[in-house]
């Protein structure tokens, strides 16, 4: 009986000691790559316009800001017929 009690007590103490000495990953400092990924994830959730998003992203990544814009040739008119390989669309 004493050995069973001693074994259970030893098991409980070892489990509690293991839980108490656990180093959680939240306590360690983030690496530069992790900080960059967290900043990009936060940027994705902010709901910025297309131009604002790309300006902030270029700023975070340290890249020169590119001029993103839509051209007039990319617009489509729903009333305009499009021919695909000689067939009506």
C-alpha atoms as a PDB file:
ATOM      1  CA  UNK A   1       0.000   0.000   0.000  1.00  0.00           C
ATOM      2  CA  UNK A   2       2.828   2.347   0.887  1.00  0.00           C
ATOM      3  CA  UNK A   3       4.565   1.726  -2.443  1.00  0.00           C
ATOM      4  CA  UNK A   4       1.391   2.533  -4.383  1.00  0.00           C
ATOM      5  CA  UNK A   5       0.923   5.755  -2.415  1.00  0.00           C
ATOM      6  CA  UNK A   6       4.595   6.672  -2.858  1.00  0.00           C
ATOM      7  CA  UNK A   7       4.403   5.972  -6.594  1.00  0.00           C
ATOM      8  CA  UNK A   8       1.272   8.112  -7.015  1.00  0.00           C
ATOM      9  CA  UNK A   9       2.810  10.898  -4.951  1.00  0.00           C
ATOM     10  CA  UNK A  10       6.036  10.755  -6.984  1.00  0.00           C
ATOM     11  CA  UNK A  11       4.052  10.801 -10.228  1.00  0.00           C
ATOM     12  CA  UNK A  12       1.980  13.794  -9.113  1.00  0.00           C
ATOM     13  CA  UNK A  13       5.071  15.723  -7.997  1.00  0.00           C
ATOM     14  CA  UNK A  14       6.881  15.017 -11.282  1.00  0.00           C
ATOM     15  CA  UNK A  15       3.851  16.149 -13.341  1.00  0.00           C
ATOM     16  CA  UNK A  16       3.489  19.342 -11.320  1.00  0.00           C
ATOM     17  CA  UNK A  17       7.211  20.042 -11.562  1.00  0.00           C
ATOM     18  CA  UNK A  18       7.102  19.539 -15.318  1.00  0.00           C
ATOM     19  CA  UNK A  19       4.186  21.953 -15.682  1.00  0.00           C
ATOM     20  CA  UNK A  20       5.809  24.559 -13.463  1.00  0.00           C
ATOM     21  CA  UNK A  21       9.126  24.576 -15.336  1.00  0.00           C
ATOM     22  CA  UNK A  22       7.583  24.798 -18.826  1.00  0.00           C
ATOM     23  CA  UNK A  23       8.969  27.761 -20.767  1.00  0.00           C
ATOM     24  CA  UNK A  24       6.170  29.165 -22.858  1.00  0.00           C
ATOM     25  CA  UNK A  25       7.013  30.473 -26.332  1.00  0.00           C
ATOM     26  CA  UNK A  26       5.180  33.740 -25.583  1.00  0.00           C
ATOM     27  CA  UNK A  27       7.900  34.745 -23.132  1.00  0.00           C
ATOM     28  CA  UNK A  28      10.712  34.618 -25.657  1.00  0.00           C
ATOM     29  CA  UNK A  29      11.325  37.647 -27.865  1.00  0.00           C
ATOM     30  CA  UNK A  30      10.053  37.477 -31.445  1.00  0.00           C
ATOM     31  CA  UNK A  31      12.565  37.213 -34.255  1.00  0.00           C
ATOM     32  CA  UNK A  32      12.716  39.857 -36.972  1.00  0.00           C
ATOM     33  CA  UNK A  33      10.970  37.535 -39.426  1.00  0.00           C
ATOM     34  CA  UNK A  34       8.164  36.810 -36.943  1.00  0.00           C
ATOM     35  CA  UNK A  35       7.656  40.532 -36.275  1.00  0.00           C
ATOM     36  CA  UNK A  36       7.443  41.177 -40.018  1.00  0.00           C
ATOM     37  CA  UNK A  37       4.877  38.387 -40.484  1.00  0.00           C
ATOM     38  CA  UNK A  38       2.765  39.673 -37.580  1.00  0.00           C
ATOM     39  CA  UNK A  39       2.847  43.201 -39.012  1.00  0.00           C
ATOM     40  CA  UNK A  40       1.780  41.931 -42.456  1.00  0.00           C
ATOM     41  CA  UNK A  41      -1.068  39.909 -40.928  1.00  0.00           C
ATOM     42  CA  UNK A  42      -2.257  42.987 -39.026  1.00  0.00           C
ATOM     43  CA  UNK A  43      -2.025  45.030 -42.232  1.00  0.00           C
ATOM     44  CA  UNK A  44      -4.216  42.490 -44.059  1.00  0.00           C
ATOM     45  CA  UNK A  45      -6.925  42.856 -41.400  1.00  0.00           C
ATOM     46  CA  UNK A  46      -7.048  46.661 -41.463  1.00  0.00           C
ATOM     47  CA  UNK A  47      -9.279  46.999 -44.533  1.00  0.00           C
ATOM     48  CA  UNK A  48      -7.234  49.674 -46.285  1.00  0.00           C
ATOM     49  CA  UNK A  49      -7.746  50.790 -49.851  1.00  0.00           C
ATOM     50  CA  UNK A  50      -5.640  49.190 -52.574  1.00  0.00           C
ATOM     51  CA  UNK A  51      -3.174  52.093 -52.779  1.00  0.00           C
ATOM     52  CA  UNK A  52      -2.875  52.509 -48.996  1.00  0.00           C
ATOM     53  CA  UNK A  53      -2.327  48.769 -48.533  1.00  0.00           C
ATOM     54  CA  UNK A  54       0.511  48.611 -51.051  1.00  0.00           C
ATOM     55  CA  UNK A  55       2.121  51.773 -49.654  1.00  0.00           C
ATOM     56  CA  UNK A  56       2.106  50.348 -46.098  1.00  0.00           C
ATOM     57  CA  UNK A  57       3.289  46.940 -47.322  1.00  0.00           C
ATOM     58  CA  UNK A  58       6.227  48.492 -49.191  1.00  0.00           C
ATOM     59  CA  UNK A  59       7.048  50.483 -46.060  1.00  0.00           C
ATOM     60  CA  UNK A  60       7.016  47.344 -43.886  1.00  0.00           C
ATOM     61  CA  UNK A  61       9.107  45.321 -46.320  1.00  0.00           C
ATOM     62  CA  UNK A  62      11.560  48.147 -46.902  1.00  0.00           C
ATOM     63  CA  UNK A  63      10.960  48.152 -50.639  1.00  0.00           C
ATOM     64  CA  UNK A  64      10.668  51.227 -52.824  1.00  0.00           C
ATOM     65  CA  UNK A  65       7.045  52.189 -53.292  1.00  0.00           C
ATOM     66  CA  UNK A  66       5.715  51.113 -56.665  1.00  0.00           C
ATOM     67  CA  UNK A  67       3.075  53.068 -58.491  1.00  0.00           C
ATOM     68  CA  UNK A  68       0.027  50.795 -58.584  1.00  0.00           C
ATOM     69  CA  UNK A  69      -2.957  52.036 -60.478  1.00  0.00           C
ATOM     70  CA  UNK A  70      -5.640  50.809 -62.815  1.00  0.00           C
ATOM     71  CA  UNK A  71      -5.408  51.677 -66.473  1.00  0.00           C
ATOM     72  CA  UNK A  72      -8.363  52.502 -68.695  1.00  0.00           C
ATOM     73  CA  UNK A  73      -7.713  49.517 -70.948  1.00  0.00           C
ATOM     74  CA  UNK A  74      -8.461  47.046 -68.157  1.00  0.00           C
ATOM     75  CA  UNK A  75     -12.026  48.229 -67.731  1.00  0.00           C
ATOM     76  CA  UNK A  76     -14.811  46.205 -69.293  1.00  0.00           C
ATOM     77  CA  UNK A  77     -18.240  47.316 -70.364  1.00  0.00           C
ATOM     78  CA  UNK A  78     -21.040  44.803 -69.773  1.00  0.00           C
ATOM     79  CA  UNK A  79     -22.761  45.952 -72.955  1.00  0.00           C
ATOM     80  CA  UNK A  80     -19.689  45.364 -75.124  1.00  0.00           C
ATOM     81  CA  UNK A  81     -19.577  42.047 -76.983  1.00  0.00           C
ATOM     82  CA  UNK A  82     -16.382  40.036 -76.643  1.00  0.00           C
ATOM     83  CA  UNK A  83     -15.249  37.698 -79.395  1.00  0.00           C
ATOM     84  CA  UNK A  84     -13.446  34.556 -78.267  1.00  0.00           C
ATOM     85  CA  UNK A  85     -11.733  32.714 -81.111  1.00  0.00           C
ATOM     86  CA  UNK A  86     -14.391  33.633 -83.614  1.00  0.00           C
ATOM     87  CA  UNK A  87     -17.337  32.725 -81.340  1.00  0.00           C
ATOM     88  CA  UNK A  88     -19.743  35.134 -79.697  1.00  0.00           C
ATOM     89  CA  UNK A  89     -19.419  35.197 -75.936  1.00  0.00           C
END
